[in-house]
Amino acid sequence: MTIKTDSYAVGSNSDDTRNFLLDTDQNGGLRIRRRSDGSGGLVMSINSAGVMFDKDGVDMRPLGVGQTWQDMTGVGGRTSGAVMTNTTGRTILVQIVNTSAFSSTITPTVGGVSLGQSSIGDVSAGSLTWREFLVPPGQTYSVTTTPSIGRWMELRS
């Protein structure tokens, strides 16, 4: 649909709570608001690049779309026990890998909740322990490891 006016009401006249107002913002994006007069608040928006956002401005693209794997080992203080915050506005996927001669543990925490420990012990040199976990936007996250972190990767924007 091409909208050539400042706004366009969609729905039935009999029940305005089921109606929507489509309008454009100053950057050419599309806003969808409740009620034909827009008084019901923002439902969602789509910017001029076609990226959809919810009513709180959270990017609604699926995990992995517009994101790449980035080696974050040691970046911004990413060490065992350090607390980070996901400020990307999108869910990220974190992967921690340890290489150990004998034993290794990885314990991630997201939003103050421990996700449990992964461990391996009494094995031959060069064994790997790894853990992947999701971090929602705005949440804190940390990883406690023994020995130190071998590699810290994040799928992020």
N, C-alpha and C. Protein backbone atom coordinates (compact mmCIF):
# COMPACT_ATOMS: atom_id res chain seq x y z
N MET A 1 0.83 -1.16 0.00
CA MET A 1 0.00 0.00 0.00
C MET A 1 0.88 1.23 0.00
N THR A 2 0.56 2.20 -0.80
CA THR A 2 1.24 3.48 -0.79
C THR A 2 0.35 4.50 -0.10
N ILE A 3 0.89 5.16 0.89
CA ILE A 3 0.13 6.18 1.61
C ILE A 3 0.61 7.53 1.14
N LYS A 4 -0.29 8.29 0.52
CA LYS A 4 0.09 9.58 -0.04
C LYS A 4 -0.42 10.75 0.80
N THR A 5 -1.12 10.45 1.89
CA THR A 5 -1.60 11.49 2.78
C THR A 5 -0.84 11.40 4.09
N ASP A 6 -1.08 12.38 4.96
CA ASP A 6 -0.41 12.37 6.27
C ASP A 6 -0.92 11.25 7.15
N SER A 7 -2.20 10.85 6.98
CA SER A 7 -2.73 9.76 7.79
C SER A 7 -3.86 9.08 7.05
N TYR A 8 -4.14 7.83 7.45
CA TYR A 8 -5.16 7.03 6.82
C TYR A 8 -5.78 6.14 7.88
N ALA A 9 -7.08 6.26 8.12
CA ALA A 9 -7.76 5.46 9.14
C ALA A 9 -8.21 4.13 8.54
N VAL A 10 -8.02 3.05 9.30
CA VAL A 10 -8.40 1.71 8.87
C VAL A 10 -9.29 1.10 9.94
N GLY A 11 -10.41 0.49 9.55
CA GLY A 11 -11.28 -0.19 10.49
C GLY A 11 -12.73 0.17 10.28
N SER A 12 -13.58 -0.25 11.22
CA SER A 12 -15.01 0.03 11.10
C SER A 12 -15.36 1.23 11.97
N ASN A 13 -16.39 1.94 11.60
CA ASN A 13 -16.83 3.11 12.36
C ASN A 13 -17.59 2.72 13.62
N SER A 14 -18.09 1.49 13.69
CA SER A 14 -18.95 1.09 14.80
C SER A 14 -18.19 0.88 16.11
N ASP A 15 -16.94 0.49 16.06
CA ASP A 15 -16.18 0.24 17.27
C ASP A 15 -14.77 0.78 17.09
N ASP A 16 -14.56 2.00 17.56
CA ASP A 16 -13.29 2.68 17.31
C ASP A 16 -12.10 1.98 17.97
N THR A 17 -12.33 1.10 18.95
CA THR A 17 -11.20 0.40 19.60
C THR A 17 -10.56 -0.61 18.66
N ARG A 18 -11.25 -0.97 17.58
CA ARG A 18 -10.68 -1.90 16.61
C ARG A 18 -10.12 -1.19 15.39
N ASN A 19 -10.14 0.10 15.41
CA ASN A 19 -9.64 0.90 14.30
C ASN A 19 -8.18 1.26 14.52
N PHE A 20 -7.50 1.56 13.43
CA PHE A 20 -6.11 1.97 13.48
C PHE A 20 -5.89 3.20 12.64
N LEU A 21 -4.89 3.97 13.01
CA LEU A 21 -4.49 5.13 12.24
C LEU A 21 -3.09 4.84 11.70
N LEU A 22 -2.92 4.94 10.40
CA LEU A 22 -1.61 4.81 9.77
C LEU A 22 -1.15 6.22 9.43
N ASP A 23 0.04 6.58 9.87
CA ASP A 23 0.58 7.88 9.48
C ASP A 23 2.08 7.75 9.29
N THR A 24 2.67 8.78 8.76
CA THR A 24 4.11 8.76 8.49
C THR A 24 4.81 9.70 9.45
N ASP A 25 6.08 9.37 9.75
CA ASP A 25 6.87 10.26 10.58
C ASP A 25 7.71 11.18 9.70
N GLN A 26 8.48 12.05 10.32
CA GLN A 26 9.27 13.04 9.57
C GLN A 26 10.37 12.42 8.72
N ASN A 27 10.72 11.14 8.99
CA ASN A 27 11.77 10.47 8.23
C ASN A 27 11.24 9.51 7.18
N GLY A 28 9.93 9.52 6.95
CA GLY A 28 9.34 8.65 5.95
C GLY A 28 8.96 7.28 6.46
N GLY A 29 9.02 7.08 7.76
CA GLY A 29 8.62 5.80 8.35
C GLY A 29 7.11 5.76 8.55
N LEU A 30 6.60 4.57 8.78
CA LEU A 30 5.17 4.35 8.98
C LEU A 30 4.91 4.06 10.45
N ARG A 31 3.87 4.72 11.01
CA ARG A 31 3.46 4.46 12.39
C ARG A 31 2.05 3.90 12.37
N ILE A 32 1.81 2.92 13.22
CA ILE A 32 0.47 2.35 13.36
C ILE A 32 0.02 2.61 14.79
N ARG A 33 -1.11 3.35 14.90
CA ARG A 33 -1.63 3.74 16.21
C ARG A 33 -3.03 3.18 16.40
N ARG A 34 -3.40 2.90 17.66
CA ARG A 34 -4.77 2.46 17.97
C ARG A 34 -5.73 3.63 17.84
N ARG A 35 -6.96 3.30 17.47
CA ARG A 35 -8.07 4.24 17.29
C ARG A 35 -7.83 5.11 16.06
N SER A 36 -8.88 5.43 15.38
CA SER A 36 -8.77 6.16 14.12
C SER A 36 -8.22 7.57 14.30
N ASP A 37 -8.29 8.12 15.53
CA ASP A 37 -7.71 9.45 15.75
C ASP A 37 -6.29 9.37 16.32
N GLY A 38 -5.78 8.15 16.53
CA GLY A 38 -4.42 7.95 17.02
C GLY A 38 -4.28 8.08 18.52
N SER A 39 -5.39 8.32 19.24
CA SER A 39 -5.32 8.54 20.68
C SER A 39 -5.06 7.28 21.49
N GLY A 40 -5.16 6.11 20.87
CA GLY A 40 -4.97 4.85 21.59
C GLY A 40 -3.53 4.45 21.78
N GLY A 41 -2.60 5.23 21.29
CA GLY A 41 -1.18 4.93 21.47
C GLY A 41 -0.57 4.15 20.32
N LEU A 42 0.73 4.16 20.27
CA LEU A 42 1.49 3.49 19.22
C LEU A 42 1.42 1.98 19.39
N VAL A 43 1.16 1.28 18.29
CA VAL A 43 1.17 -0.19 18.27
C VAL A 43 2.51 -0.68 17.77
N MET A 44 2.96 -0.12 16.67
CA MET A 44 4.25 -0.48 16.09
C MET A 44 4.63 0.56 15.05
N SER A 45 5.88 0.53 14.62
CA SER A 45 6.34 1.43 13.58
C SER A 45 7.30 0.69 12.66
N ILE A 46 7.43 1.20 11.46
CA ILE A 46 8.35 0.65 10.47
C ILE A 46 9.16 1.83 9.93
N ASN A 47 10.48 1.79 10.06
CA ASN A 47 11.27 2.92 9.59
C ASN A 47 11.42 2.88 8.07
N SER A 48 12.06 3.90 7.52
CA SER A 48 12.17 4.01 6.06
C SER A 48 13.01 2.89 5.45
N ALA A 49 13.81 2.18 6.27
CA ALA A 49 14.60 1.04 5.78
C ALA A 49 13.82 -0.27 5.86
N GLY A 50 12.57 -0.21 6.38
CA GLY A 50 11.75 -1.41 6.47
C GLY A 50 11.91 -2.21 7.74
N VAL A 51 12.62 -1.65 8.74
CA VAL A 51 12.82 -2.35 10.01
C VAL A 51 11.63 -2.06 10.92
N MET A 52 11.04 -3.11 11.49
CA MET A 52 9.86 -3.00 12.33
C MET A 52 10.25 -2.88 13.80
N PHE A 53 9.55 -1.99 14.52
CA PHE A 53 9.78 -1.77 15.95
C PHE A 53 8.47 -1.92 16.70
N ASP A 54 8.52 -2.46 17.92
CA ASP A 54 7.31 -2.56 18.73
C ASP A 54 7.00 -1.21 19.37
N LYS A 55 5.97 -1.15 20.20
CA LYS A 55 5.52 0.11 20.78
C LYS A 55 6.57 0.75 21.68
N ASP A 56 7.52 -0.04 22.19
CA ASP A 56 8.57 0.48 23.05
C ASP A 56 9.84 0.81 22.28
N GLY A 57 9.81 0.67 20.96
CA GLY A 57 10.98 0.97 20.14
C GLY A 57 11.97 -0.16 20.02
N VAL A 58 11.58 -1.38 20.42
CA VAL A 58 12.48 -2.54 20.33
C VAL A 58 12.44 -3.10 18.91
N ASP A 59 13.62 -3.28 18.33
CA ASP A 59 13.78 -3.84 16.99
C ASP A 59 13.19 -5.25 16.98
N MET A 60 12.26 -5.52 16.06
CA MET A 60 11.56 -6.81 16.03
C MET A 60 12.12 -7.81 15.02
N ARG A 61 13.28 -7.50 14.43
CA ARG A 61 13.87 -8.46 13.50
C ARG A 61 14.29 -9.72 14.26
N PRO A 62 14.19 -10.89 13.61
CA PRO A 62 14.59 -12.14 14.28
C PRO A 62 16.08 -12.15 14.60
N LEU A 63 16.44 -12.95 15.60
CA LEU A 63 17.85 -13.12 15.97
C LEU A 63 18.65 -13.52 14.74
N GLY A 64 19.76 -12.85 14.53
CA GLY A 64 20.65 -13.17 13.41
C GLY A 64 20.47 -12.28 12.20
N VAL A 65 19.30 -11.66 12.04
CA VAL A 65 19.07 -10.76 10.90
C VAL A 65 19.70 -9.41 11.23
N GLY A 66 20.66 -8.99 10.41
CA GLY A 66 21.35 -7.72 10.66
C GLY A 66 22.38 -7.81 11.78
N GLN A 67 22.73 -9.03 12.20
CA GLN A 67 23.73 -9.24 13.24
C GLN A 67 24.85 -10.11 12.68
N THR A 68 26.04 -9.96 13.25
CA THR A 68 27.18 -10.77 12.83
C THR A 68 27.90 -11.29 14.07
N TRP A 69 28.65 -12.40 13.90
CA TRP A 69 29.47 -12.91 14.99
C TRP A 69 30.66 -11.99 15.16
N GLN A 70 30.89 -11.56 16.40
CA GLN A 70 32.02 -10.68 16.71
C GLN A 70 32.81 -11.27 17.86
N ASP A 71 34.14 -11.27 17.69
CA ASP A 71 35.01 -11.77 18.75
C ASP A 71 35.15 -10.66 19.79
N MET A 72 34.56 -10.87 20.96
CA MET A 72 34.55 -9.87 22.03
C MET A 72 35.49 -10.25 23.16
N THR A 73 36.37 -11.20 22.94
CA THR A 73 37.30 -11.67 23.97
C THR A 73 38.09 -10.49 24.54
N GLY A 74 37.90 -10.20 25.81
CA GLY A 74 38.62 -9.12 26.48
C GLY A 74 38.14 -7.71 26.15
N VAL A 75 37.19 -7.56 25.22
CA VAL A 75 36.71 -6.23 24.82
C VAL A 75 35.80 -5.67 25.89
N GLY A 76 36.00 -4.41 26.26
CA GLY A 76 35.12 -3.74 27.21
C GLY A 76 35.07 -4.41 28.57
N GLY A 77 36.16 -5.05 28.98
CA GLY A 77 36.21 -5.67 30.29
C GLY A 77 35.60 -7.06 30.36
N ARG A 78 35.36 -7.69 29.22
CA ARG A 78 34.76 -9.04 29.21
C ARG A 78 35.76 -10.06 29.73
N THR A 79 35.72 -10.26 31.03
CA THR A 79 36.56 -11.23 31.71
C THR A 79 35.67 -12.01 32.67
N SER A 80 36.18 -13.07 33.22
CA SER A 80 35.41 -13.90 34.14
C SER A 80 34.89 -13.06 35.30
N GLY A 81 33.56 -13.10 35.51
CA GLY A 81 32.93 -12.40 36.62
C GLY A 81 32.49 -10.98 36.33
N ALA A 82 32.98 -10.38 35.24
CA ALA A 82 32.60 -9.00 34.92
C ALA A 82 31.13 -8.94 34.47
N VAL A 83 30.39 -7.96 34.94
CA VAL A 83 28.99 -7.81 34.58
C VAL A 83 28.87 -6.81 33.43
N MET A 84 28.24 -7.27 32.34
CA MET A 84 28.03 -6.45 31.15
C MET A 84 26.53 -6.15 31.03
N THR A 85 26.16 -5.18 30.19
CA THR A 85 24.76 -4.89 29.90
C THR A 85 24.57 -4.89 28.40
N ASN A 86 23.52 -5.57 27.92
CA ASN A 86 23.21 -5.59 26.50
C ASN A 86 22.52 -4.27 26.15
N THR A 87 23.26 -3.38 25.53
CA THR A 87 22.74 -2.07 25.15
C THR A 87 22.44 -1.97 23.65
N THR A 88 22.41 -3.11 22.95
CA THR A 88 22.22 -3.10 21.50
C THR A 88 20.78 -2.82 21.08
N GLY A 89 19.82 -2.99 22.00
CA GLY A 89 18.41 -2.84 21.63
C GLY A 89 17.83 -4.10 21.03
N ARG A 90 18.63 -5.16 20.93
CA ARG A 90 18.18 -6.44 20.38
C ARG A 90 18.73 -7.57 21.23
N THR A 91 18.09 -8.73 21.16
CA THR A 91 18.61 -9.91 21.83
C THR A 91 19.92 -10.30 21.17
N ILE A 92 20.90 -10.68 21.98
CA ILE A 92 22.18 -11.15 21.46
C ILE A 92 22.38 -12.61 21.89
N LEU A 93 23.22 -13.32 21.14
CA LEU A 93 23.61 -14.69 21.48
C LEU A 93 25.09 -14.64 21.87
N VAL A 94 25.40 -15.17 23.05
CA VAL A 94 26.77 -15.17 23.55
C VAL A 94 27.28 -16.61 23.54
N GLN A 95 28.51 -16.79 23.08
CA GLN A 95 29.15 -18.11 23.09
C GLN A 95 30.49 -17.98 23.80
N ILE A 96 30.68 -18.79 24.83
CA ILE A 96 31.93 -18.82 25.60
C ILE A 96 32.59 -20.17 25.37
N VAL A 97 33.89 -20.15 25.06
CA VAL A 97 34.64 -21.39 24.84
C VAL A 97 35.88 -21.36 25.73
N ASN A 98 36.12 -22.47 26.41
CA ASN A 98 37.33 -22.66 27.20
C ASN A 98 38.09 -23.86 26.67
N THR A 99 39.40 -23.74 26.65
CA THR A 99 40.26 -24.87 26.35
C THR A 99 41.05 -25.15 27.62
N SER A 100 41.09 -26.38 28.03
CA SER A 100 41.76 -26.69 29.29
C SER A 100 42.55 -27.98 29.17
N ALA A 101 43.62 -28.03 29.92
CA ALA A 101 44.41 -29.25 29.95
C ALA A 101 43.72 -30.34 30.76
N PHE A 102 42.95 -29.95 31.78
CA PHE A 102 42.36 -30.97 32.63
C PHE A 102 40.89 -30.74 32.96
N SER A 103 40.52 -29.55 33.39
CA SER A 103 39.12 -29.31 33.75
C SER A 103 38.74 -27.86 33.46
N SER A 104 37.43 -27.66 33.30
CA SER A 104 36.95 -26.33 32.94
C SER A 104 35.49 -26.20 33.36
N THR A 105 35.09 -25.02 33.80
CA THR A 105 33.68 -24.75 34.10
C THR A 105 33.28 -23.40 33.51
N ILE A 106 32.02 -23.29 33.10
CA ILE A 106 31.45 -22.04 32.59
C ILE A 106 30.08 -21.88 33.24
N THR A 107 29.86 -20.74 33.90
CA THR A 107 28.58 -20.47 34.54
C THR A 107 28.09 -19.09 34.10
N PRO A 108 27.12 -19.03 33.16
CA PRO A 108 26.57 -17.74 32.74
C PRO A 108 25.44 -17.28 33.67
N THR A 109 25.29 -15.98 33.78
CA THR A 109 24.21 -15.37 34.55
C THR A 109 23.59 -14.27 33.69
N VAL A 110 22.25 -14.26 33.59
CA VAL A 110 21.54 -13.23 32.80
C VAL A 110 20.48 -12.61 33.70
N GLY A 111 20.51 -11.29 33.81
CA GLY A 111 19.52 -10.61 34.64
C GLY A 111 19.56 -11.05 36.08
N GLY A 112 20.74 -11.46 36.56
CA GLY A 112 20.89 -11.90 37.94
C GLY A 112 20.52 -13.35 38.19
N VAL A 113 20.11 -14.07 37.14
CA VAL A 113 19.70 -15.47 37.28
C VAL A 113 20.78 -16.38 36.69
N SER A 114 21.31 -17.29 37.51
CA SER A 114 22.30 -18.23 37.03
C SER A 114 21.66 -19.23 36.07
N LEU A 115 22.31 -19.48 34.94
CA LEU A 115 21.79 -20.44 33.96
C LEU A 115 22.37 -21.84 34.17
N GLY A 116 23.10 -22.04 35.25
CA GLY A 116 23.67 -23.35 35.53
C GLY A 116 25.08 -23.48 35.00
N GLN A 117 25.77 -24.46 35.51
CA GLN A 117 27.18 -24.64 35.18
C GLN A 117 27.38 -25.74 34.15
N SER A 118 28.27 -25.46 33.20
CA SER A 118 28.75 -26.49 32.27
C SER A 118 30.17 -26.81 32.70
N SER A 119 30.50 -28.09 32.77
CA SER A 119 31.86 -28.41 33.21
C SER A 119 32.34 -29.69 32.55
N ILE A 120 33.65 -29.80 32.53
CA ILE A 120 34.30 -31.00 32.04
C ILE A 120 35.55 -31.18 32.91
N GLY A 121 35.84 -32.39 33.29
CA GLY A 121 36.99 -32.60 34.17
C GLY A 121 37.66 -33.92 33.91
N ASP A 122 38.93 -34.00 34.32
CA ASP A 122 39.73 -35.22 34.21
C ASP A 122 39.75 -35.80 32.80
N VAL A 123 40.04 -34.94 31.85
CA VAL A 123 40.12 -35.40 30.45
C VAL A 123 41.48 -35.03 29.87
N SER A 124 41.71 -35.46 28.67
CA SER A 124 43.01 -35.20 28.04
C SER A 124 43.17 -33.73 27.67
N ALA A 125 44.40 -33.32 27.48
CA ALA A 125 44.71 -31.94 27.11
C ALA A 125 43.99 -31.55 25.83
N GLY A 126 43.58 -30.30 25.77
CA GLY A 126 42.94 -29.78 24.57
C GLY A 126 41.44 -29.97 24.53
N SER A 127 40.83 -30.41 25.61
CA SER A 127 39.37 -30.58 25.64
C SER A 127 38.69 -29.22 25.67
N LEU A 128 37.50 -29.14 25.09
CA LEU A 128 36.74 -27.89 25.04
C LEU A 128 35.52 -27.94 25.95
N THR A 129 35.23 -26.83 26.58
CA THR A 129 33.97 -26.61 27.27
C THR A 129 33.39 -25.36 26.64
N TRP A 130 32.11 -25.40 26.24
CA TRP A 130 31.51 -24.20 25.67
C TRP A 130 30.10 -24.05 26.19
N ARG A 131 29.60 -22.82 26.06
CA ARG A 131 28.24 -22.51 26.51
C ARG A 131 27.71 -21.38 25.65
N GLU A 132 26.45 -21.51 25.23
CA GLU A 132 25.77 -20.45 24.48
C GLU A 132 24.52 -20.06 25.25
N PHE A 133 24.20 -18.76 25.24
CA PHE A 133 23.01 -18.28 25.92
C PHE A 133 22.56 -16.96 25.31
N LEU A 134 21.25 -16.70 25.44
CA LEU A 134 20.64 -15.48 24.91
C LEU A 134 20.59 -14.40 25.99
N VAL A 135 20.76 -13.15 25.57
CA VAL A 135 20.65 -12.02 26.48
C VAL A 135 19.66 -11.02 25.87
N PRO A 136 18.49 -10.85 26.50
CA PRO A 136 17.51 -9.87 25.99
C PRO A 136 18.05 -8.45 26.08
N PRO A 137 17.48 -7.53 25.30
CA PRO A 137 17.94 -6.13 25.36
C PRO A 137 17.75 -5.55 26.75
N GLY A 138 18.75 -4.79 27.18
CA GLY A 138 18.69 -4.11 28.47
C GLY A 138 19.08 -4.97 29.66
N GLN A 139 19.29 -6.27 29.47
CA GLN A 139 19.63 -7.17 30.58
C GLN A 139 21.13 -7.19 30.84
N THR A 140 21.48 -7.43 32.10
CA THR A 140 22.88 -7.63 32.46
C THR A 140 23.25 -9.09 32.22
N TYR A 141 24.53 -9.33 32.02
CA TYR A 141 25.01 -10.71 31.84
C TYR A 141 26.46 -10.81 32.26
N SER A 142 26.81 -11.99 32.73
CA SER A 142 28.20 -12.24 33.13
C SER A 142 28.48 -13.72 32.95
N VAL A 143 29.75 -14.05 32.97
CA VAL A 143 30.19 -15.43 32.86
C VAL A 143 31.31 -15.64 33.86
N THR A 144 31.18 -16.68 34.66
CA THR A 144 32.26 -17.06 35.58
C THR A 144 32.86 -18.35 35.04
N THR A 145 34.18 -18.36 34.87
CA THR A 145 34.85 -19.53 34.29
C THR A 145 36.08 -19.92 35.09
N THR A 146 36.43 -21.19 34.97
CA THR A 146 37.74 -21.67 35.41
C THR A 146 38.23 -22.62 34.33
N PRO A 147 39.40 -22.53 33.83
CA PRO A 147 40.29 -21.37 34.03
C PRO A 147 39.72 -20.14 33.33
N SER A 148 40.56 -19.22 32.92
CA SER A 148 40.08 -17.98 32.29
C SER A 148 39.39 -18.28 30.95
N ILE A 149 38.67 -17.30 30.44
CA ILE A 149 37.91 -17.44 29.19
C ILE A 149 38.87 -17.63 28.01
N GLY A 150 38.62 -18.66 27.21
CA GLY A 150 39.41 -18.89 26.01
C GLY A 150 38.96 -17.99 24.86
N ARG A 151 37.63 -17.95 24.64
CA ARG A 151 37.11 -17.11 23.55
C ARG A 151 35.68 -16.70 23.91
N TRP A 152 35.36 -15.42 23.69
CA TRP A 152 34.05 -14.85 23.97
C TRP A 152 33.51 -14.29 22.66
N MET A 153 32.51 -14.94 22.11
CA MET A 153 31.92 -14.51 20.84
C MET A 153 30.48 -14.03 21.09
N GLU A 154 30.05 -13.02 20.34
CA GLU A 154 28.68 -12.54 20.44
C GLU A 154 28.10 -12.33 19.04
N LEU A 155 26.87 -12.81 18.86
CA LEU A 155 26.11 -12.53 17.65
C LEU A 155 25.32 -11.26 17.97
N ARG A 156 25.71 -10.15 17.36
CA ARG A 156 25.18 -8.84 17.73
C ARG A 156 25.22 -7.87 16.55
N SER A 157 24.56 -6.74 16.73
CA SER A 157 24.57 -5.68 15.70
C SER A 157 25.82 -4.86 15.84
